[in-house]
PDB file of all heavy atoms in Angstrom:
ATOM      1  N   GLY A   1       0.878  -1.215   0.030  1.00  0.00           N
ATOM      2  CA  GLY A   1      -0.023  -0.035   0.046  1.00  0.00           C
ATOM      3  C   GLY A   1       0.872   1.251   0.050  1.00  0.00           C
ATOM      4  O   GLY A   1       0.254   2.399  -0.310  1.00  0.00           O
ATOM      5  N   ASP A   2       2.092   1.182   0.417  1.00  0.00           N
ATOM      6  CA  ASP A   2       3.014   2.419   0.287  1.00  0.00           C
ATOM      7  C   ASP A   2       3.181   2.915  -1.041  1.00  0.00           C
ATOM      8  O   ASP A   2       3.070   2.060  -2.099  1.00  0.00           O
ATOM      9  CB  ASP A   2       4.377   2.120   0.978  1.00  0.00           C
ATOM     10  CG  ASP A   2       4.388   2.025   2.496  1.00  0.00           C
ATOM     11  OD1 ASP A   2       3.476   2.465   3.107  1.00  0.00           O
ATOM     12  OD2 ASP A   2       5.355   1.653   3.037  1.00  0.00           O
ATOM     13  N   LYS A   3       3.371   4.119  -1.256  1.00  0.00           N
ATOM     14  CA  LYS A   3       3.617   4.729  -2.640  1.00  0.00           C
ATOM     15  C   LYS A   3       4.934   5.094  -2.856  1.00  0.00           C
ATOM     16  O   LYS A   3       5.772   5.427  -1.942  1.00  0.00           O
ATOM     17  CB  LYS A   3       2.767   6.123  -2.627  1.00  0.00           C
ATOM     18  CG  LYS A   3       1.255   5.928  -2.333  1.00  0.00           C
ATOM     19  CD  LYS A   3       0.557   5.112  -3.177  1.00  0.00           C
ATOM     20  CE  LYS A   3      -0.864   5.106  -2.850  1.00  0.00           C
ATOM     21  NZ  LYS A   3      -1.663   4.058  -3.517  1.00  0.00           N
ATOM     22  N   ILE A   4       5.467   4.851  -4.135  1.00  0.00           N
ATOM     23  CA  ILE A   4       6.699   5.148  -4.511  1.00  0.00           C
ATOM     24  C   ILE A   4       6.658   6.049  -5.657  1.00  0.00           C
ATOM     25  O   ILE A   4       5.807   5.768  -6.698  1.00  0.00           O
ATOM     26  CB  ILE A   4       7.497   3.887  -4.938  1.00  0.00           C
ATOM     27  CG1 ILE A   4       7.597   2.839  -3.752  1.00  0.00           C
ATOM     28  CG2 ILE A   4       8.829   4.216  -5.474  1.00  0.00           C
ATOM     29  CD1 ILE A   4       8.163   1.524  -4.193  1.00  0.00           C
ATOM     30  N   GLN A   5       7.330   7.239  -5.722  1.00  0.00           N
ATOM     31  CA  GLN A   5       7.304   8.037  -6.917  1.00  0.00           C
ATOM     32  C   GLN A   5       8.719   8.103  -7.517  1.00  0.00           C
ATOM     33  O   GLN A   5       9.688   8.406  -6.767  1.00  0.00           O
ATOM     34  CB  GLN A   5       6.786   9.448  -6.369  1.00  0.00           C
ATOM     35  CG  GLN A   5       6.423  10.399  -7.490  1.00  0.00           C
ATOM     36  CD  GLN A   5       5.729  11.563  -6.758  1.00  0.00           C
ATOM     37  OE1 GLN A   5       6.443  12.439  -6.217  1.00  0.00           O
ATOM     38  NE2 GLN A   5       4.545  11.879  -6.937  1.00  0.00           N
ATOM     39  N   ILE A   6       8.672   8.055  -8.805  1.00  0.00           N
ATOM     40  CA  ILE A   6       9.959   8.055  -9.549  1.00  0.00           C
ATOM     41  C   ILE A   6       9.859   9.225 -10.657  1.00  0.00           C
ATOM     42  O   ILE A   6       8.914   9.406 -11.269  1.00  0.00           O
ATOM     43  CB  ILE A   6      10.139   6.721 -10.436  1.00  0.00           C
ATOM     44  CG1 ILE A   6      10.069   5.552  -9.513  1.00  0.00           C
ATOM     45  CG2 ILE A   6      11.433   6.767 -11.202  1.00  0.00           C
ATOM     46  CD1 ILE A   6      11.237   5.376  -8.586  1.00  0.00           C
ATOM     47  N   GLU A   7      11.012  10.002 -10.758  1.00  0.00           N
ATOM     48  CA  GLU A   7      11.071  10.977 -11.730  1.00  0.00           C
ATOM     49  C   GLU A   7      11.888  10.573 -12.852  1.00  0.00           C
ATOM     50  O   GLU A   7      13.040  10.211 -12.544  1.00  0.00           O
ATOM     51  CB  GLU A   7      11.522  12.336 -11.236  1.00  0.00           C
ATOM     52  CG  GLU A   7      11.527  13.370 -12.199  1.00  0.00           C
ATOM     53  CD  GLU A   7      11.989  14.807 -11.762  1.00  0.00           C
ATOM     54  OE1 GLU A   7      12.099  14.990 -10.478  1.00  0.00           O
ATOM     55  OE2 GLU A   7      12.087  15.686 -12.566  1.00  0.00           O
ATOM     56  N   SER A   8      11.361  10.502 -14.033  1.00  0.00           N
ATOM     57  CA  SER A   8      12.178   9.852 -15.149  1.00  0.00           C
ATOM     58  C   SER A   8      13.050  10.964 -15.656  1.00  0.00           C
ATOM     59  O   SER A   8      12.949  12.204 -15.314  1.00  0.00           O
ATOM     60  CB  SER A   8      11.194   9.377 -16.273  1.00  0.00           C
ATOM     61  OG  SER A   8      10.449  10.486 -16.886  1.00  0.00           O
ATOM     62  N   GLY A   9      13.938  10.628 -16.615  1.00  0.00           N
ATOM     63  CA  GLY A   9      15.028  11.604 -17.158  1.00  0.00           C
ATOM     64  C   GLY A   9      14.320  12.819 -17.794  1.00  0.00           C
ATOM     65  O   GLY A   9      14.882  13.896 -17.866  1.00  0.00           O
ATOM     66  N   ASP A  10      13.023  12.591 -18.358  1.00  0.00           N
ATOM     67  CA  ASP A  10      12.362  13.652 -19.045  1.00  0.00           C
ATOM     68  C   ASP A  10      11.529  14.534 -18.145  1.00  0.00           C
ATOM     69  O   ASP A  10      10.704  15.402 -18.492  1.00  0.00           O
ATOM     70  CB  ASP A  10      11.518  13.250 -20.191  1.00  0.00           C
ATOM     71  CG  ASP A  10      10.501  12.278 -19.869  1.00  0.00           C
ATOM     72  OD1 ASP A  10      10.206  12.041 -18.642  1.00  0.00           O
ATOM     73  OD2 ASP A  10       9.791  11.795 -20.707  1.00  0.00           O
ATOM     74  N   GLY A  11      11.665  14.238 -16.811  1.00  0.00           N
ATOM     75  CA  GLY A  11      10.715  15.026 -15.820  1.00  0.00           C
ATOM     76  C   GLY A  11       9.435  14.456 -15.474  1.00  0.00           C
ATOM     77  O   GLY A  11       8.761  14.986 -14.676  1.00  0.00           O
ATOM     78  N   LYS A  12       9.172  13.397 -16.212  1.00  0.00           N
ATOM     79  CA  LYS A  12       7.779  12.753 -15.864  1.00  0.00           C
ATOM     80  C   LYS A  12       7.813  12.015 -14.675  1.00  0.00           C
ATOM     81  O   LYS A  12       8.663  11.401 -14.333  1.00  0.00           O
ATOM     82  CB  LYS A  12       7.441  11.912 -17.106  1.00  0.00           C
ATOM     83  CG  LYS A  12       6.037  11.173 -17.072  1.00  0.00           C
ATOM     84  CD  LYS A  12       5.785  10.333 -18.162  1.00  0.00           C
ATOM     85  CE  LYS A  12       4.443   9.664 -18.132  1.00  0.00           C
ATOM     86  NZ  LYS A  12       3.984   8.760 -19.111  1.00  0.00           N
ATOM     87  N   ILE A  13       6.765  12.322 -13.820  1.00  0.00           N
ATOM     88  CA  ILE A  13       6.524  11.624 -12.597  1.00  0.00           C
ATOM     89  C   ILE A  13       5.744  10.406 -12.716  1.00  0.00           C
ATOM     90  O   ILE A  13       4.644  10.369 -13.300  1.00  0.00           O
ATOM     91  CB  ILE A  13       5.826  12.473 -11.559  1.00  0.00           C
ATOM     92  CG1 ILE A  13       6.529  13.859 -11.366  1.00  0.00           C
ATOM     93  CG2 ILE A  13       5.671  11.821 -10.327  1.00  0.00           C
ATOM     94  CD1 ILE A  13       7.957  13.746 -10.836  1.00  0.00           C
ATOM     95  N   LEU A  14       6.299   9.242 -12.193  1.00  0.00           N
ATOM     96  CA  LEU A  14       5.658   7.904 -12.300  1.00  0.00           C
ATOM     97  C   LEU A  14       5.326   7.506 -10.913  1.00  0.00           C
ATOM     98  O   LEU A  14       6.117   7.468  -9.981  1.00  0.00           O
ATOM     99  CB  LEU A  14       6.640   6.862 -12.966  1.00  0.00           C
ATOM    100  CG  LEU A  14       7.054   7.195 -14.351  1.00  0.00           C
ATOM    101  CD1 LEU A  14       8.198   6.200 -14.897  1.00  0.00           C
ATOM    102  CD2 LEU A  14       5.863   7.204 -15.401  1.00  0.00           C
ATOM    103  N   ASN A  15       4.097   7.051 -10.738  1.00  0.00           N
ATOM    104  CA  ASN A  15       3.608   6.664  -9.374  1.00  0.00           C
ATOM    105  C   ASN A  15       3.344   5.264  -9.471  1.00  0.00           C
ATOM    106  O   ASN A  15       2.751   4.573 -10.335  1.00  0.00           O
ATOM    107  CB  ASN A  15       2.341   7.361  -9.048  1.00  0.00           C
ATOM    108  CG  ASN A  15       2.504   8.880  -8.834  1.00  0.00           C
ATOM    109  OD1 ASN A  15       3.170   9.326  -7.956  1.00  0.00           O
ATOM    110  ND2 ASN A  15       1.990   9.686  -9.849  1.00  0.00           N
ATOM    111  N   TYR A  16       3.861   4.520  -8.170  1.00  0.00           N
ATOM    112  CA  TYR A  16       3.759   3.020  -8.026  1.00  0.00           C
ATOM    113  C   TYR A  16       3.163   2.844  -6.680  1.00  0.00           C
ATOM    114  O   TYR A  16       3.412   3.628  -5.761  1.00  0.00           O
ATOM    115  CB  TYR A  16       5.030   2.447  -8.274  1.00  0.00           C
ATOM    116  CG  TYR A  16       5.677   2.507  -9.647  1.00  0.00           C
ATOM    117  CD1 TYR A  16       6.379   3.542  -9.992  1.00  0.00           C
ATOM    118  CD2 TYR A  16       5.383   1.602 -10.488  1.00  0.00           C
ATOM    119  CE1 TYR A  16       6.853   3.710 -11.284  1.00  0.00           C
ATOM    120  CE2 TYR A  16       5.955   1.532 -11.876  1.00  0.00           C
ATOM    121  CZ  TYR A  16       6.689   2.701 -12.279  1.00  0.00           C
ATOM    122  OH  TYR A  16       7.146   2.742 -13.402  1.00  0.00           O
ATOM    123  N   THR A  17       2.476   1.602  -6.542  1.00  0.00           N
ATOM    124  CA  THR A  17       2.034   1.157  -5.188  1.00  0.00           C
ATOM    125  C   THR A  17       2.624  -0.058  -4.906  1.00  0.00           C
ATOM    126  O   THR A  17       2.609  -1.024  -5.803  1.00  0.00           O
ATOM    127  CB  THR A  17       0.387   1.235  -5.201  1.00  0.00           C
ATOM    128  OG1 THR A  17      -0.093   2.438  -5.588  1.00  0.00           O
ATOM    129  CG2 THR A  17       0.013   0.714  -3.886  1.00  0.00           C
ATOM    130  N   VAL A  18       3.118  -0.317  -3.743  1.00  0.00           N
ATOM    131  CA  VAL A  18       3.720  -1.544  -3.380  1.00  0.00           C
ATOM    132  C   VAL A  18       2.592  -2.538  -3.112  1.00  0.00           C
ATOM    133  O   VAL A  18       1.683  -2.282  -2.524  1.00  0.00           O
ATOM    134  CB  VAL A  18       4.493  -1.353  -2.029  1.00  0.00           C
ATOM    135  CG1 VAL A  18       5.011  -2.707  -1.452  1.00  0.00           C
ATOM    136  CG2 VAL A  18       5.682  -0.420  -2.093  1.00  0.00           C
ATOM    137  N   VAL A  19       2.831  -3.729  -3.802  1.00  0.00           N
ATOM    138  CA  VAL A  19       1.848  -4.792  -3.652  1.00  0.00           C
ATOM    139  C   VAL A  19       2.380  -6.062  -3.054  1.00  0.00           C
ATOM    140  O   VAL A  19       1.621  -6.955  -2.703  1.00  0.00           O
ATOM    141  CB  VAL A  19       1.304  -5.129  -5.057  1.00  0.00           C
ATOM    142  CG1 VAL A  19       0.502  -3.939  -5.663  1.00  0.00           C
ATOM    143  CG2 VAL A  19       2.347  -5.543  -6.089  1.00  0.00           C
ATOM    144  N   ASN A  20       3.673  -6.173  -2.903  1.00  0.00           N
ATOM    145  CA  ASN A  20       4.244  -7.358  -2.308  1.00  0.00           C
ATOM    146  C   ASN A  20       5.663  -7.143  -1.954  1.00  0.00           C
ATOM    147  O   ASN A  20       6.468  -6.296  -2.563  1.00  0.00           O
ATOM    148  CB  ASN A  20       4.132  -8.539  -3.177  1.00  0.00           C
ATOM    149  CG  ASN A  20       4.250  -9.857  -2.443  1.00  0.00           C
ATOM    150  OD1 ASN A  20       4.364  -9.952  -1.272  1.00  0.00           O
ATOM    151  ND2 ASN A  20       4.229 -10.904  -3.279  1.00  0.00           N
ATOM    152  N   THR A  21       6.175  -7.817  -0.820  1.00  0.00           N
ATOM    153  CA  THR A  21       7.603  -7.815  -0.559  1.00  0.00           C
ATOM    154  C   THR A  21       7.999  -9.229  -0.378  1.00  0.00           C
ATOM    155  O   THR A  21       7.180 -10.045   0.080  1.00  0.00           O
ATOM    156  CB  THR A  21       8.029  -6.926   0.532  1.00  0.00           C
ATOM    157  OG1 THR A  21       7.297  -7.567   1.906  1.00  0.00           O
ATOM    158  CG2 THR A  21       7.556  -5.550   0.452  1.00  0.00           C
ATOM    159  N   LYS A  22       9.177  -9.630  -0.797  1.00  0.00           N
ATOM    160  CA  LYS A  22       9.649 -11.009  -0.616  1.00  0.00           C
ATOM    161  C   LYS A  22      11.158 -11.090  -0.327  1.00  0.00           C
ATOM    162  O   LYS A  22      11.891 -10.172  -0.706  1.00  0.00           O
ATOM    163  CB  LYS A  22       9.481 -11.857  -1.834  1.00  0.00           C
ATOM    164  CG  LYS A  22       8.014 -12.111  -2.227  1.00  0.00           C
ATOM    165  CD  LYS A  22       8.020 -13.117  -3.407  1.00  0.00           C
ATOM    166  CE  LYS A  22       6.553 -13.491  -3.631  1.00  0.00           C
ATOM    167  NZ  LYS A  22       6.499 -14.346  -4.784  1.00  0.00           N
ATOM    168  N   ASN A  23      11.533 -11.995   0.575  1.00  0.00           N
ATOM    169  CA  ASN A  23      12.936 -12.169   0.894  1.00  0.00           C
ATOM    170  C   ASN A  23      13.308 -13.398   0.171  1.00  0.00           C
ATOM    171  O   ASN A  23      12.575 -14.502   0.381  1.00  0.00           O
ATOM    172  CB  ASN A  23      13.142 -12.227   2.362  1.00  0.00           C
ATOM    173  CG  ASN A  23      12.786 -10.813   3.072  1.00  0.00           C
ATOM    174  OD1 ASN A  23      13.452  -9.817   2.601  1.00  0.00           O
ATOM    175  ND2 ASN A  23      12.094 -10.736   4.025  1.00  0.00           N
ATOM    176  N   PHE A  24      14.636 -13.484  -0.360  1.00  0.00           N
ATOM    177  CA  PHE A  24      15.116 -14.583  -1.007  1.00  0.00           C
ATOM    178  C   PHE A  24      16.485 -14.851  -0.453  1.00  0.00           C
ATOM    179  O   PHE A  24      17.318 -14.035  -0.296  1.00  0.00           O
ATOM    180  CB  PHE A  24      15.243 -14.448  -2.545  1.00  0.00           C
ATOM    181  CG  PHE A  24      13.883 -14.330  -3.253  1.00  0.00           C
ATOM    182  CD1 PHE A  24      13.213 -12.980  -3.371  1.00  0.00           C
ATOM    183  CD2 PHE A  24      13.313 -15.513  -3.731  1.00  0.00           C
ATOM    184  CE1 PHE A  24      12.068 -12.930  -3.957  1.00  0.00           C
ATOM    185  CE2 PHE A  24      12.081 -15.327  -4.261  1.00  0.00           C
ATOM    186  CZ  PHE A  24      11.433 -13.985  -4.543  1.00  0.00           C
ATOM    187  N   ASP A  25      16.805 -16.195  -0.421  1.00  0.00           N
ATOM    188  CA  ASP A  25      18.136 -16.580  -0.181  1.00  0.00           C
ATOM    189  C   ASP A  25      18.919 -16.416  -1.617  1.00  0.00           C
ATOM    190  O   ASP A  25      18.371 -16.563  -2.608  1.00  0.00           O
ATOM    191  CB  ASP A  25      18.253 -18.023   0.186  1.00  0.00           C
ATOM    192  CG  ASP A  25      19.610 -18.444   0.487  1.00  0.00           C
ATOM    193  OD1 ASP A  25      20.390 -18.791  -0.488  1.00  0.00           O
ATOM    194  OD2 ASP A  25      19.926 -18.738   1.655  1.00  0.00           O
ATOM    195  N   THR A  26      20.169 -15.916  -1.529  1.00  0.00           N
ATOM    196  CA  THR A  26      20.756 -15.770  -2.902  1.00  0.00           C
ATOM    197  C   THR A  26      20.932 -17.020  -3.706  1.00  0.00           C
ATOM    198  O   THR A  26      21.165 -16.906  -4.867  1.00  0.00           O
ATOM    199  CB  THR A  26      22.208 -15.104  -2.624  1.00  0.00           C
ATOM    200  OG1 THR A  26      22.996 -15.907  -1.720  1.00  0.00           O
ATOM    201  CG2 THR A  26      22.192 -13.669  -2.117  1.00  0.00           C
ATOM    202  N   THR A  27      20.914 -18.139  -3.054  1.00  0.00           N
ATOM    203  CA  THR A  27      21.076 -19.362  -3.880  1.00  0.00           C
ATOM    204  C   THR A  27      19.580 -19.751  -4.437  1.00  0.00           C
ATOM    205  O   THR A  27      19.592 -20.718  -5.156  1.00  0.00           O
ATOM    206  CB  THR A  27      21.599 -20.455  -2.980  1.00  0.00           C
ATOM    207  OG1 THR A  27      20.712 -20.776  -1.806  1.00  0.00           O
ATOM    208  CG2 THR A  27      22.955 -20.154  -2.517  1.00  0.00           C
ATOM    209  N   ASN A  28      18.487 -19.183  -4.056  1.00  0.00           N
ATOM    210  CA  ASN A  28      17.260 -19.513  -4.387  1.00  0.00           C
ATOM    211  C   ASN A  28      16.462 -18.382  -5.064  1.00  0.00           C
ATOM    212  O   ASN A  28      15.156 -18.105  -4.740  1.00  0.00           O
ATOM    213  CB  ASN A  28      16.408 -20.155  -3.087  1.00  0.00           C
ATOM    214  CG  ASN A  28      15.183 -20.663  -3.555  1.00  0.00           C
ATOM    215  OD1 ASN A  28      15.015 -21.216  -4.557  1.00  0.00           O
ATOM    216  ND2 ASN A  28      14.343 -20.635  -2.525  1.00  0.00           N
ATOM    217  N   LEU A  29      17.179 -17.483  -5.802  1.00  0.00           N
ATOM    218  CA  LEU A  29      16.636 -16.364  -6.373  1.00  0.00           C
ATOM    219  C   LEU A  29      16.128 -16.611  -7.834  1.00  0.00           C
ATOM    220  O   LEU A  29      17.016 -16.973  -8.661  1.00  0.00           O
ATOM    221  CB  LEU A  29      17.551 -15.264  -6.389  1.00  0.00           C
ATOM    222  CG  LEU A  29      17.020 -13.811  -6.731  1.00  0.00           C
ATOM    223  CD1 LEU A  29      16.060 -13.423  -5.828  1.00  0.00           C
ATOM    224  CD2 LEU A  29      18.251 -12.950  -6.732  1.00  0.00           C
ATOM    225  N   ASP A  30      14.878 -16.551  -8.072  1.00  0.00           N
ATOM    226  CA  ASP A  30      14.184 -16.775  -9.394  1.00  0.00           C
ATOM    227  C   ASP A  30      14.187 -15.610 -10.192  1.00  0.00           C
ATOM    228  O   ASP A  30      13.356 -14.543  -9.931  1.00  0.00           O
ATOM    229  CB  ASP A  30      12.832 -17.441  -9.223  1.00  0.00           C
ATOM    230  CG  ASP A  30      12.085 -17.668 -10.553  1.00  0.00           C
ATOM    231  OD1 ASP A  30      12.837 -17.676 -11.645  1.00  0.00           O
ATOM    232  OD2 ASP A  30      10.898 -17.822 -10.461  1.00  0.00           O
ATOM    233  N   LEU A  31      15.141 -15.467 -11.267  1.00  0.00           N
ATOM    234  CA  LEU A  31      15.191 -14.238 -11.988  1.00  0.00           C
ATOM    235  C   LEU A  31      13.890 -13.882 -12.750  1.00  0.00           C
ATOM    236  O   LEU A  31      13.494 -12.843 -12.966  1.00  0.00           O
ATOM    237  CB  LEU A  31      16.291 -14.198 -13.024  1.00  0.00           C
ATOM    238  CG  LEU A  31      17.781 -14.139 -12.235  1.00  0.00           C
ATOM    239  CD1 LEU A  31      18.853 -14.173 -13.205  1.00  0.00           C
ATOM    240  CD2 LEU A  31      17.829 -12.885 -11.370  1.00  0.00           C
ATOM    241  N   GLY A  32      13.135 -15.046 -13.089  1.00  0.00           N
ATOM    242  CA  GLY A  32      11.824 -14.695 -13.787  1.00  0.00           C
ATOM    243  C   GLY A  32      10.844 -13.943 -12.862  1.00  0.00           C
ATOM    244  O   GLY A  32      10.308 -13.074 -13.319  1.00  0.00           O
ATOM    245  N   THR A  33      10.874 -14.321 -11.563  1.00  0.00           N
ATOM    246  CA  THR A  33      10.095 -13.499 -10.668  1.00  0.00           C
ATOM    247  C   THR A  33      10.556 -11.992 -10.481  1.00  0.00           C
ATOM    248  O   THR A  33       9.839 -11.123 -10.444  1.00  0.00           O
ATOM    249  CB  THR A  33      10.081 -14.213  -9.266  1.00  0.00           C
ATOM    250  OG1 THR A  33       9.583 -15.472  -9.414  1.00  0.00           O
ATOM    251  CG2 THR A  33       9.199 -13.469  -8.180  1.00  0.00           C
ATOM    252  N   VAL A  34      11.867 -11.883 -10.435  1.00  0.00           N
ATOM    253  CA  VAL A  34      12.491 -10.656 -10.258  1.00  0.00           C
ATOM    254  C   VAL A  34      12.185  -9.636 -11.359  1.00  0.00           C
ATOM    255  O   VAL A  34      11.990  -8.501 -11.214  1.00  0.00           O
ATOM    256  CB  VAL A  34      14.027 -10.705 -10.171  1.00  0.00           C
ATOM    257  CG1 VAL A  34      14.675  -9.357 -10.070  1.00  0.00           C
ATOM    258  CG2 VAL A  34      14.233 -11.566  -8.863  1.00  0.00           C
ATOM    259  N   LEU A  35      12.124 -10.206 -12.645  1.00  0.00           N
ATOM    260  CA  LEU A  35      11.933  -9.429 -13.834  1.00  0.00           C
ATOM    261  C   LEU A  35      10.545  -9.212 -14.316  1.00  0.00           C
ATOM    262  O   LEU A  35      10.300  -8.621 -15.352  1.00  0.00           O
ATOM    263  CB  LEU A  35      12.926  -9.930 -14.830  1.00  0.00           C
ATOM    264  CG  LEU A  35      14.296  -9.993 -14.573  1.00  0.00           C
ATOM    265  CD1 LEU A  35      15.186 -10.654 -15.718  1.00  0.00           C
ATOM    266  CD2 LEU A  35      14.923  -8.653 -14.416  1.00  0.00           C
ATOM    267  N   THR A  36       9.553  -9.906 -13.617  1.00  0.00           N
ATOM    268  CA  THR A  36       8.152  -9.885 -14.082  1.00  0.00           C
ATOM    269  C   THR A  36       7.347  -8.903 -13.210  1.00  0.00           C
ATOM    270  O   THR A  36       7.465  -8.949 -12.038  1.00  0.00           O
ATOM    271  CB  THR A  36       7.593 -11.312 -13.955  1.00  0.00           C
ATOM    272  OG1 THR A  36       8.504 -12.051 -14.833  1.00  0.00           O
ATOM    273  CG2 THR A  36       6.157 -11.303 -14.568  1.00  0.00           C
ATOM    274  N   SER A  37       6.365  -8.144 -13.815  1.00  0.00           N
ATOM    275  CA  SER A  37       5.502  -7.267 -13.026  1.00  0.00           C
ATOM    276  C   SER A  37       4.678  -8.276 -12.130  1.00  0.00           C
ATOM    277  O   SER A  37       4.250  -9.370 -12.398  1.00  0.00           O
ATOM    278  CB  SER A  37       4.616  -6.613 -13.926  1.00  0.00           C
ATOM    279  OG  SER A  37       3.582  -5.844 -13.213  1.00  0.00           O
ATOM    280  N   ALA A  38       4.414  -7.700 -10.894  1.00  0.00           N
ATOM    281  CA  ALA A  38       3.613  -8.366  -9.893  1.00  0.00           C
ATOM    282  C   ALA A  38       2.158  -8.651 -10.299  1.00  0.00           C
ATOM    283  O   ALA A  38       1.503  -9.495  -9.912  1.00  0.00           O
ATOM    284  CB  ALA A  38       3.761  -7.734  -8.542  1.00  0.00           C
ATOM    285  N   GLN A  39       1.806  -7.741 -11.264  1.00  0.00           N
ATOM    286  CA  GLN A  39       0.380  -7.890 -11.755  1.00  0.00           C
ATOM    287  C   GLN A  39       0.411  -7.829 -13.239  1.00  0.00           C
ATOM    288  O   GLN A  39       0.771  -6.787 -13.717  1.00  0.00           O
ATOM    289  CB  GLN A  39      -0.507  -6.726 -11.089  1.00  0.00           C
ATOM    290  CG  GLN A  39      -0.776  -6.815  -9.715  1.00  0.00           C
ATOM    291  CD  GLN A  39      -1.676  -5.683  -9.138  1.00  0.00           C
ATOM    292  OE1 GLN A  39      -2.270  -4.894  -9.873  1.00  0.00           O
ATOM    293  NE2 GLN A  39      -1.922  -5.692  -7.796  1.00  0.00           N
ATOM    294  N   ALA A  40      -0.061  -8.883 -13.848  1.00  0.00           N
ATOM    295  CA  ALA A  40      -0.129  -8.900 -15.246  1.00  0.00           C
ATOM    296  C   ALA A  40      -0.876  -7.818 -15.962  1.00  0.00           C
ATOM    297  O   ALA A  40      -1.890  -7.476 -15.425  1.00  0.00           O
ATOM    298  CB  ALA A  40      -0.715 -10.247 -15.632  1.00  0.00           C
TER     299      ALA A  40
END
């Protein structure tokens, strides 16, 4: 539910909402999960 605001290089403001947090062991890190949006 927390909000994250990012300013892009062209000055555009992008707003995001946290939907999940996960902790991984470095030996069990699935890059597919890391690189995929949490909501299709």
